[in-house]
């Protein structure tokens, strides 16, 4: 199967990371004389890694966690906590 057909098929199967990594993985495989099983494994590994990263990003978005703040950014005016000297906003 020629390269363009392979890439089209990957798109149809929604294997976008595999498609993006294809040329690099094939070039490496040719240079290092990897066997076909290694090439397929490398392609699958790249796709799995991308899907896991997308899943984590989606879960973090859904969790709606608050943004991380430094003590310098915290507003003490509405709390019963006294601001310690030197922990207020920095002047530069």
PDB file of N, CA and C in Angstrom:
ATOM      1  N   UNK A   1       0.859  -1.169   0.000  1.00  0.00           N
ATOM      2  CA  UNK A   1       0.000   0.000   0.000  1.00  0.00           C
ATOM      3  C   UNK A   1       0.904   1.231   0.000  1.00  0.00           C
ATOM      4  N   UNK A   2       0.591   2.192  -0.823  1.00  0.00           N
ATOM      5  CA  UNK A   2       1.431   3.384  -0.914  1.00  0.00           C
ATOM      6  C   UNK A   2       1.138   4.346   0.236  1.00  0.00           C
ATOM      7  N   UNK A   3       2.088   5.232   0.474  1.00  0.00           N
ATOM      8  CA  UNK A   3       2.063   6.144   1.622  1.00  0.00           C
ATOM      9  C   UNK A   3       0.775   6.953   1.696  1.00  0.00           C
ATOM     10  N   UNK A   4       0.348   7.549   0.588  1.00  0.00           N
ATOM     11  CA  UNK A   4      -0.847   8.399   0.611  1.00  0.00           C
ATOM     12  C   UNK A   4      -2.096   7.617   1.014  1.00  0.00           C
ATOM     13  N   UNK A   5      -2.199   6.379   0.553  1.00  0.00           N
ATOM     14  CA  UNK A   5      -3.344   5.542   0.915  1.00  0.00           C
ATOM     15  C   UNK A   5      -3.298   5.180   2.402  1.00  0.00           C
ATOM     16  N   UNK A   6      -2.102   4.909   2.904  1.00  0.00           N
ATOM     17  CA  UNK A   6      -1.944   4.592   4.328  1.00  0.00           C
ATOM     18  C   UNK A   6      -2.374   5.783   5.176  1.00  0.00           C
ATOM     19  N   UNK A   7      -1.910   6.979   4.810  1.00  0.00           N
ATOM     20  CA  UNK A   7      -2.255   8.178   5.574  1.00  0.00           C
ATOM     21  C   UNK A   7      -3.747   8.490   5.488  1.00  0.00           C
ATOM     22  N   UNK A   8      -4.343   8.271   4.320  1.00  0.00           N
ATOM     23  CA  UNK A   8      -5.784   8.472   4.167  1.00  0.00           C
ATOM     24  C   UNK A   8      -6.561   7.501   5.046  1.00  0.00           C
ATOM     25  N   UNK A   9      -6.120   6.266   5.069  1.00  0.00           N
ATOM     26  CA  UNK A   9      -6.777   5.244   5.889  1.00  0.00           C
ATOM     27  C   UNK A   9      -6.657   5.582   7.374  1.00  0.00           C
ATOM     28  N   UNK A  10      -5.494   6.065   7.787  1.00  0.00           N
ATOM     29  CA  UNK A  10      -5.311   6.469   9.183  1.00  0.00           C
ATOM     30  C   UNK A  10      -6.258   7.611   9.541  1.00  0.00           C
ATOM     31  N   UNK A  11      -6.450   8.539   8.628  1.00  0.00           N
ATOM     32  CA  UNK A  11      -7.393   9.639   8.860  1.00  0.00           C
ATOM     33  C   UNK A  11      -8.816   9.118   8.976  1.00  0.00           C
ATOM     34  N   UNK A  12      -9.189   8.217   8.094  1.00  0.00           N
ATOM     35  CA  UNK A  12     -10.535   7.646   8.130  1.00  0.00           C
ATOM     36  C   UNK A  12     -10.790   6.907   9.437  1.00  0.00           C
ATOM     37  N   UNK A  13      -9.752   6.296   9.977  1.00  0.00           N
ATOM     38  CA  UNK A  13      -9.865   5.566  11.243  1.00  0.00           C
ATOM     39  C   UNK A  13      -9.649   6.465  12.460  1.00  0.00           C
ATOM     40  N   UNK A  14      -9.441   7.768  12.209  1.00  0.00           N
ATOM     41  CA  UNK A  14      -9.205   8.759  13.254  1.00  0.00           C
ATOM     42  C   UNK A  14      -7.968   8.436  14.087  1.00  0.00           C
ATOM     43  N   UNK A  15      -6.928   7.973  13.401  1.00  0.00           N
ATOM     44  CA  UNK A  15      -5.647   7.688  14.032  1.00  0.00           C
ATOM     45  C   UNK A  15      -4.695   8.839  13.709  1.00  0.00           C
ATOM     46  N   UNK A  16      -5.041  10.023  14.197  1.00  0.00           N
ATOM     47  CA  UNK A  16      -4.346  11.243  13.808  1.00  0.00           C
ATOM     48  C   UNK A  16      -2.899  11.281  14.291  1.00  0.00           C
ATOM     49  N   UNK A  17      -2.646  10.815  15.495  1.00  0.00           N
ATOM     50  CA  UNK A  17      -1.272  10.829  15.991  1.00  0.00           C
ATOM     51  C   UNK A  17      -0.414   9.854  15.202  1.00  0.00           C
ATOM     52  N   UNK A  18      -0.975   8.712  14.895  1.00  0.00           N
ATOM     53  CA  UNK A  18      -0.262   7.735  14.074  1.00  0.00           C
ATOM     54  C   UNK A  18       0.097   8.345  12.727  1.00  0.00           C
ATOM     55  N   UNK A  19      -0.858   9.060  12.174  1.00  0.00           N
ATOM     56  CA  UNK A  19      -0.639   9.712  10.875  1.00  0.00           C
ATOM     57  C   UNK A  19       0.483  10.741  10.974  1.00  0.00           C
ATOM     58  N   UNK A  20       0.472  11.525  12.048  1.00  0.00           N
ATOM     59  CA  UNK A  20       1.501  12.555  12.229  1.00  0.00           C
ATOM     60  C   UNK A  20       2.879  11.952  12.483  1.00  0.00           C
ATOM     61  N   UNK A  21       2.932  10.795  13.137  1.00  0.00           N
ATOM     62  CA  UNK A  21       4.208  10.168  13.485  1.00  0.00           C
ATOM     63  C   UNK A  21       4.712   9.226  12.399  1.00  0.00           C
ATOM     64  N   UNK A  22       3.889   8.938  11.414  1.00  0.00           N
ATOM     65  CA  UNK A  22       4.196   7.913  10.412  1.00  0.00           C
ATOM     66  C   UNK A  22       5.553   8.114   9.735  1.00  0.00           C
ATOM     67  N   UNK A  23       5.783   9.280   9.156  1.00  0.00           N
ATOM     68  CA  UNK A  23       7.023   9.504   8.404  1.00  0.00           C
ATOM     69  C   UNK A  23       8.265   9.344   9.275  1.00  0.00           C
ATOM     70  N   UNK A  24       8.201   9.897  10.475  1.00  0.00           N
ATOM     71  CA  UNK A  24       9.352   9.797  11.380  1.00  0.00           C
ATOM     72  C   UNK A  24       9.615   8.349  11.794  1.00  0.00           C
ATOM     73  N   UNK A  25       8.565   7.628  12.115  1.00  0.00           N
ATOM     74  CA  UNK A  25       8.719   6.230  12.534  1.00  0.00           C
ATOM     75  C   UNK A  25       9.229   5.372  11.382  1.00  0.00           C
ATOM     76  N   UNK A  26       8.728   5.589  10.191  1.00  0.00           N
ATOM     77  CA  UNK A  26       9.191   4.826   9.028  1.00  0.00           C
ATOM     78  C   UNK A  26      10.651   5.150   8.724  1.00  0.00           C
ATOM     79  N   UNK A  27      11.016   6.432   8.776  1.00  0.00           N
ATOM     80  CA  UNK A  27      12.410   6.814   8.513  1.00  0.00           C
ATOM     81  C   UNK A  27      13.359   6.160   9.522  1.00  0.00           C
ATOM     82  N   UNK A  28      12.966   6.178  10.784  1.00  0.00           N
ATOM     83  CA  UNK A  28      13.785   5.549  11.824  1.00  0.00           C
ATOM     84  C   UNK A  28      13.869   4.044  11.602  1.00  0.00           C
ATOM     85  N   UNK A  29      12.745   3.446  11.242  1.00  0.00           N
ATOM     86  CA  UNK A  29      12.712   1.999  11.022  1.00  0.00           C
ATOM     87  C   UNK A  29      13.615   1.586   9.866  1.00  0.00           C
ATOM     88  N   UNK A  30      13.629   2.373   8.811  1.00  0.00           N
ATOM     89  CA  UNK A  30      14.490   2.069   7.664  1.00  0.00           C
ATOM     90  C   UNK A  30      15.954   2.216   8.059  1.00  0.00           C
ATOM     91  N   UNK A  31      16.263   3.314   8.750  1.00  0.00           N
ATOM     92  CA  UNK A  31      17.642   3.574   9.151  1.00  0.00           C
ATOM     93  C   UNK A  31      18.171   2.492  10.097  1.00  0.00           C
ATOM     94  N   UNK A  32      17.329   2.066  11.026  1.00  0.00           N
ATOM     95  CA  UNK A  32      17.768   1.093  12.037  1.00  0.00           C
ATOM     96  C   UNK A  32      17.365  -0.338  11.712  1.00  0.00           C
ATOM     97  N   UNK A  33      16.760  -0.521  10.565  1.00  0.00           N
ATOM     98  CA  UNK A  33      16.341  -1.838  10.079  1.00  0.00           C
ATOM     99  C   UNK A  33      15.421  -2.572  11.073  1.00  0.00           C
ATOM    100  N   UNK A  34      14.389  -1.848  11.531  1.00  0.00           N
ATOM    101  CA  UNK A  34      13.410  -2.455  12.430  1.00  0.00           C
ATOM    102  C   UNK A  34      12.519  -3.415  11.639  1.00  0.00           C
ATOM    103  N   UNK A  35      12.063  -4.432  12.318  1.00  0.00           N
ATOM    104  CA  UNK A  35      11.152  -5.372  11.672  1.00  0.00           C
ATOM    105  C   UNK A  35       9.732  -4.783  11.674  1.00  0.00           C
ATOM    106  N   UNK A  36       8.834  -5.318  10.850  1.00  0.00           N
ATOM    107  CA  UNK A  36       7.473  -4.767  10.735  1.00  0.00           C
ATOM    108  C   UNK A  36       6.722  -4.715  12.069  1.00  0.00           C
ATOM    109  N   UNK A  37       6.923  -5.709  12.915  1.00  0.00           N
ATOM    110  CA  UNK A  37       6.236  -5.717  14.207  1.00  0.00           C
ATOM    111  C   UNK A  37       6.652  -4.514  15.053  1.00  0.00           C
ATOM    112  N   UNK A  38       7.919  -4.153  14.986  1.00  0.00           N
ATOM    113  CA  UNK A  38       8.421  -3.001  15.744  1.00  0.00           C
ATOM    114  C   UNK A  38       7.813  -1.714  15.201  1.00  0.00           C
ATOM    115  N   UNK A  39       7.675  -1.605  13.892  1.00  0.00           N
ATOM    116  CA  UNK A  39       7.084  -0.408  13.284  1.00  0.00           C
ATOM    117  C   UNK A  39       5.630  -0.261  13.727  1.00  0.00           C
ATOM    118  N   UNK A  40       4.880  -1.342  13.658  1.00  0.00           N
ATOM    119  CA  UNK A  40       3.473  -1.303  14.076  1.00  0.00           C
ATOM    120  C   UNK A  40       3.382  -0.966  15.567  1.00  0.00           C
ATOM    121  N   UNK A  41       4.238  -1.561  16.378  1.00  0.00           N
ATOM    122  CA  UNK A  41       4.241  -1.278  17.818  1.00  0.00           C
ATOM    123  C   UNK A  41       4.546   0.189  18.088  1.00  0.00           C
ATOM    124  N   UNK A  42       5.499   0.766  17.376  1.00  0.00           N
ATOM    125  CA  UNK A  42       5.841   2.177  17.551  1.00  0.00           C
ATOM    126  C   UNK A  42       4.672   3.088  17.159  1.00  0.00           C
ATOM    127  N   UNK A  43       4.005   2.745  16.067  1.00  0.00           N
ATOM    128  CA  UNK A  43       2.840   3.525  15.638  1.00  0.00           C
ATOM    129  C   UNK A  43       1.719   3.447  16.681  1.00  0.00           C
ATOM    130  N   UNK A  44       1.453   2.259  17.171  1.00  0.00           N
ATOM    131  CA  UNK A  44       0.406   2.082  18.176  1.00  0.00           C
ATOM    132  C   UNK A  44       0.754   2.797  19.476  1.00  0.00           C
ATOM    133  N   UNK A  45       2.009   2.730  19.863  1.00  0.00           N
ATOM    134  CA  UNK A  45       2.451   3.395  21.089  1.00  0.00           C
ATOM    135  C   UNK A  45       2.262   4.906  20.988  1.00  0.00           C
ATOM    136  N   UNK A  46       2.584   5.465  19.831  1.00  0.00           N
ATOM    137  CA  UNK A  46       2.409   6.915  19.659  1.00  0.00           C
ATOM    138  C   UNK A  46       0.930   7.296  19.737  1.00  0.00           C
ATOM    139  N   UNK A  47       0.063   6.475  19.173  1.00  0.00           N
ATOM    140  CA  UNK A  47      -1.371   6.756  19.208  1.00  0.00           C
ATOM    141  C   UNK A  47      -1.918   6.645  20.630  1.00  0.00           C
ATOM    142  N   UNK A  48      -1.512   5.623  21.339  1.00  0.00           N
ATOM    143  CA  UNK A  48      -1.974   5.432  22.718  1.00  0.00           C
ATOM    144  C   UNK A  48      -1.524   6.592  23.602  1.00  0.00           C
ATOM    145  N   UNK A  49      -0.277   7.006  23.465  1.00  0.00           N
ATOM    146  CA  UNK A  49       0.248   8.108  24.278  1.00  0.00           C
ATOM    147  C   UNK A  49      -0.546   9.391  24.027  1.00  0.00           C
ATOM    148  N   UNK A  50      -0.857   9.660  22.782  1.00  0.00           N
ATOM    149  CA  UNK A  50      -1.620  10.865  22.454  1.00  0.00           C
ATOM    150  C   UNK A  50      -3.038  10.787  23.013  1.00  0.00           C
ATOM    151  N   UNK A  51      -3.675   9.639  22.903  1.00  0.00           N
ATOM    152  CA  UNK A  51      -5.041   9.497  23.420  1.00  0.00           C
ATOM    153  C   UNK A  51      -5.068   9.618  24.942  1.00  0.00           C
ATOM    154  N   UNK A  52      -4.056   9.089  25.618  1.00  0.00           N
ATOM    155  CA  UNK A  52      -3.988   9.226  27.073  1.00  0.00           C
ATOM    156  C   UNK A  52      -3.800  10.692  27.457  1.00  0.00           C
ATOM    157  N   UNK A  53      -2.955  11.400  26.730  1.00  0.00           N
ATOM    158  CA  UNK A  53      -2.733  12.821  27.016  1.00  0.00           C
ATOM    159  C   UNK A  53      -4.018  13.617  26.794  1.00  0.00           C
ATOM    160  N   UNK A  54      -4.738  13.331  25.718  1.00  0.00           N
ATOM    161  CA  UNK A  54      -6.002  14.023  25.453  1.00  0.00           C
ATOM    162  C   UNK A  54      -7.032  13.715  26.529  1.00  0.00           C
ATOM    163  N   UNK A  55      -7.060  12.457  26.989  1.00  0.00           N
ATOM    164  CA  UNK A  55      -7.997  12.057  28.028  1.00  0.00           C
ATOM    165  C   UNK A  55      -7.720  12.799  29.333  1.00  0.00           C
ATOM    166  N   UNK A  56      -6.453  12.907  29.708  1.00  0.00           N
ATOM    167  CA  UNK A  56      -6.087  13.625  30.928  1.00  0.00           C
ATOM    168  C   UNK A  56      -6.460  15.100  30.808  1.00  0.00           C
ATOM    169  N   UNK A  57      -6.184  15.693  29.652  1.00  0.00           N
ATOM    170  CA  UNK A  57      -6.527  17.095  29.434  1.00  0.00           C
ATOM    171  C   UNK A  57      -8.040  17.298  29.549  1.00  0.00           C
ATOM    172  N   UNK A  58      -8.813  16.396  28.975  1.00  0.00           N
ATOM    173  CA  UNK A  58     -10.275  16.482  29.036  1.00  0.00           C
ATOM    174  C   UNK A  58     -10.753  16.351  30.482  1.00  0.00           C
ATOM    175  N   UNK A  59     -10.214  15.386  31.220  1.00  0.00           N
ATOM    176  CA  UNK A  59     -10.617  15.176  32.605  1.00  0.00           C
ATOM    177  C   UNK A  59     -10.279  16.381  33.471  1.00  0.00           C
ATOM    178  N   UNK A  60      -9.135  17.003  33.219  1.00  0.00           N
ATOM    179  CA  UNK A  60      -8.755  18.193  33.975  1.00  0.00           C
ATOM    180  C   UNK A  60      -9.710  19.350  33.668  1.00  0.00           C
ATOM    181  N   UNK A  61     -10.144  19.447  32.421  1.00  0.00           N
ATOM    182  CA  UNK A  61     -11.092  20.491  32.042  1.00  0.00           C
ATOM    183  C   UNK A  61     -12.434  20.266  32.724  1.00  0.00           C
ATOM    184  N   UNK A  62     -12.898  19.024  32.728  1.00  0.00           N
ATOM    185  CA  UNK A  62     -14.189  18.687  33.332  1.00  0.00           C
ATOM    186  C   UNK A  62     -14.148  18.886  34.847  1.00  0.00           C
ATOM    187  N   UNK A  63     -13.010  18.617  35.473  1.00  0.00           N
ATOM    188  CA  UNK A  63     -12.887  18.734  36.926  1.00  0.00           C
ATOM    189  C   UNK A  63     -13.036  20.182  37.398  1.00  0.00           C
ATOM    190  N   UNK A  64     -12.758  21.125  36.523  1.00  0.00           N
ATOM    191  CA  UNK A  64     -12.864  22.551  36.834  1.00  0.00           C
ATOM    192  C   UNK A  64     -12.110  22.893  38.118  1.00  0.00           C
ATOM    193  N   UNK A  65     -10.895  22.399  38.215  1.00  0.00           N
ATOM    194  CA  UNK A  65     -10.066  22.694  39.370  1.00  0.00           C
ATOM    195  C   UNK A  65      -9.682  24.161  39.356  1.00  0.00           C
ATOM    196  N   UNK A  66      -9.548  24.757  40.533  1.00  0.00           N
ATOM    197  CA  UNK A  66      -9.143  26.165  40.555  1.00  0.00           C
ATOM    198  C   UNK A  66      -7.704  26.307  40.092  1.00  0.00           C
ATOM    199  N   UNK A  67      -7.394  27.487  39.592  1.00  0.00           N
ATOM    200  CA  UNK A  67      -6.035  27.742  39.155  1.00  0.00           C
ATOM    201  C   UNK A  67      -5.103  27.785  40.355  1.00  0.00           C
ATOM    202  N   UNK A  68      -3.896  27.328  40.173  1.00  0.00           N
ATOM    203  CA  UNK A  68      -2.911  27.370  41.242  1.00  0.00           C
ATOM    204  C   UNK A  68      -2.541  28.820  41.530  1.00  0.00           C
ATOM    205  N   UNK A  69      -2.392  29.144  42.806  1.00  0.00           N
ATOM    206  CA  UNK A  69      -2.030  30.496  43.201  1.00  0.00           C
ATOM    207  C   UNK A  69      -0.847  30.443  44.145  1.00  0.00           C
ATOM    208  N   UNK A  70      -0.063  31.488  44.101  1.00  0.00           N
ATOM    209  CA  UNK A  70       1.018  31.656  45.059  1.00  0.00           C
ATOM    210  C   UNK A  70       0.480  32.453  46.230  1.00  0.00           C
ATOM    211  N   UNK A  71       1.151  32.391  47.368  1.00  0.00           N
ATOM    212  CA  UNK A  71       0.740  33.165  48.535  1.00  0.00           C
ATOM    213  C   UNK A  71       0.716  34.647  48.189  1.00  0.00           C
ATOM    214  N   UNK A  72       1.639  35.080  47.352  1.00  0.00           N
ATOM    215  CA  UNK A  72       1.698  36.484  46.968  1.00  0.00           C
ATOM    216  C   UNK A  72       0.432  36.928  46.237  1.00  0.00           C
ATOM    217  N   UNK A  73      -0.248  36.008  45.568  1.00  0.00           N
ATOM    218  CA  UNK A  73      -1.439  36.341  44.793  1.00  0.00           C
ATOM    219  C   UNK A  73      -2.735  36.229  45.599  1.00  0.00           C
ATOM    220  N   UNK A  74      -2.675  35.689  46.801  1.00  0.00           N
ATOM    221  CA  UNK A  74      -3.870  35.445  47.595  1.00  0.00           C
ATOM    222  C   UNK A  74      -4.389  36.749  48.196  1.00  0.00           C
ATOM    223  N   UNK A  75      -5.700  36.947  48.164  1.00  0.00           N
ATOM    224  CA  UNK A  75      -6.319  38.142  48.722  1.00  0.00           C
ATOM    225  C   UNK A  75      -6.780  37.834  50.146  1.00  0.00           C
ATOM    226  N   UNK A  76      -6.141  38.447  51.127  1.00  0.00           N
ATOM    227  CA  UNK A  76      -6.431  38.185  52.531  1.00  0.00           C
ATOM    228  C   UNK A  76      -7.561  39.063  53.077  1.00  0.00           C
ATOM    229  N   UNK A  77      -8.055  40.026  52.307  1.00  0.00           N
ATOM    230  CA  UNK A  77      -9.023  40.990  52.828  1.00  0.00           C
ATOM    231  C   UNK A  77     -10.345  40.354  53.222  1.00  0.00           C
ATOM    232  N   UNK A  78     -10.784  39.313  52.582  1.00  0.00           N
ATOM    233  CA  UNK A  78     -12.078  38.698  52.856  1.00  0.00           C
ATOM    234  C   UNK A  78     -11.976  37.490  53.786  1.00  0.00           C
ATOM    235  N   UNK A  79     -10.806  37.262  54.364  1.00  0.00           N
ATOM    236  CA  UNK A  79     -10.622  36.089  55.219  1.00  0.00           C
ATOM    237  C   UNK A  79     -10.327  36.507  56.648  1.00  0.00           C
ATOM    238  N   UNK A  80     -10.444  35.583  57.557  1.00  0.00           N
ATOM    239  CA  UNK A  80     -10.096  35.828  58.952  1.00  0.00           C
ATOM    240  C   UNK A  80      -8.629  35.577  59.214  1.00  0.00           C
ATOM    241  N   UNK A  81      -7.869  35.408  58.167  1.00  0.00           N
ATOM    242  CA  UNK A  81      -6.445  35.102  58.284  1.00  0.00           C
ATOM    243  C   UNK A  81      -5.658  36.390  58.160  1.00  0.00           C
ATOM    244  N   UNK A  82      -4.703  36.573  59.063  1.00  0.00           N
ATOM    245  CA  UNK A  82      -3.842  37.752  58.975  1.00  0.00           C
ATOM    246  C   UNK A  82      -2.701  37.467  58.025  1.00  0.00           C
ATOM    247  N   UNK A  83      -2.434  38.430  57.208  1.00  0.00           N
ATOM    248  CA  UNK A  83      -1.313  38.324  56.279  1.00  0.00           C
ATOM    249  C   UNK A  83      -0.019  38.500  57.059  1.00  0.00           C
ATOM    250  N   UNK A  84       0.912  37.590  56.885  1.00  0.00           N
ATOM    251  CA  UNK A  84       2.195  37.716  57.576  1.00  0.00           C
ATOM    252  C   UNK A  84       3.069  38.710  56.841  1.00  0.00           C
ATOM    253  N   UNK A  85       3.907  39.422  57.574  1.00  0.00           N
ATOM    254  CA  UNK A  85       4.787  40.400  56.913  1.00  0.00           C
ATOM    255  C   UNK A  85       5.656  39.719  55.848  1.00  0.00           C
ATOM    256  N   UNK A  86       5.762  40.367  54.734  1.00  0.00           N
ATOM    257  CA  UNK A  86       6.604  39.844  53.659  1.00  0.00           C
ATOM    258  C   UNK A  86       5.884  38.882  52.734  1.00  0.00           C
ATOM    259  N   UNK A  87       4.612  38.531  53.027  1.00  0.00           N
ATOM    260  CA  UNK A  87       3.920  37.595  52.142  1.00  0.00           C
ATOM    261  C   UNK A  87       2.939  38.288  51.221  1.00  0.00           C
ATOM    262  N   UNK A  88       2.889  39.617  51.283  1.00  0.00           N
ATOM    263  CA  UNK A  88       1.985  40.371  50.433  1.00  0.00           C
ATOM    264  C   UNK A  88       2.505  40.497  49.027  1.00  0.00           C
ATOM    265  N   UNK A  89       1.819  41.289  48.206  1.00  0.00           N
ATOM    266  CA  UNK A  89       2.266  41.466  46.816  1.00  0.00           C
ATOM    267  C   UNK A  89       3.676  42.047  46.760  1.00  0.00           C
ATOM    268  N   UNK A  90       4.436  41.542  45.863  1.00  0.00           N
ATOM    269  CA  UNK A  90       5.809  42.002  45.685  1.00  0.00           C
ATOM    270  C   UNK A  90       5.820  43.239  44.794  1.00  0.00           C
ATOM    271  N   UNK A  91       6.691  44.142  45.114  1.00  0.00           N
ATOM    272  CA  UNK A  91       6.886  45.281  44.231  1.00  0.00           C
ATOM    273  C   UNK A  91       8.218  45.098  43.527  1.00  0.00           C
ATOM    274  N   UNK A  92       8.214  45.410  42.263  1.00  0.00           N
ATOM    275  CA  UNK A  92       9.435  45.180  41.469  1.00  0.00           C
ATOM    276  C   UNK A  92       9.981  46.464  40.981  1.00  0.00           C
TER     277      UNK A  92
END
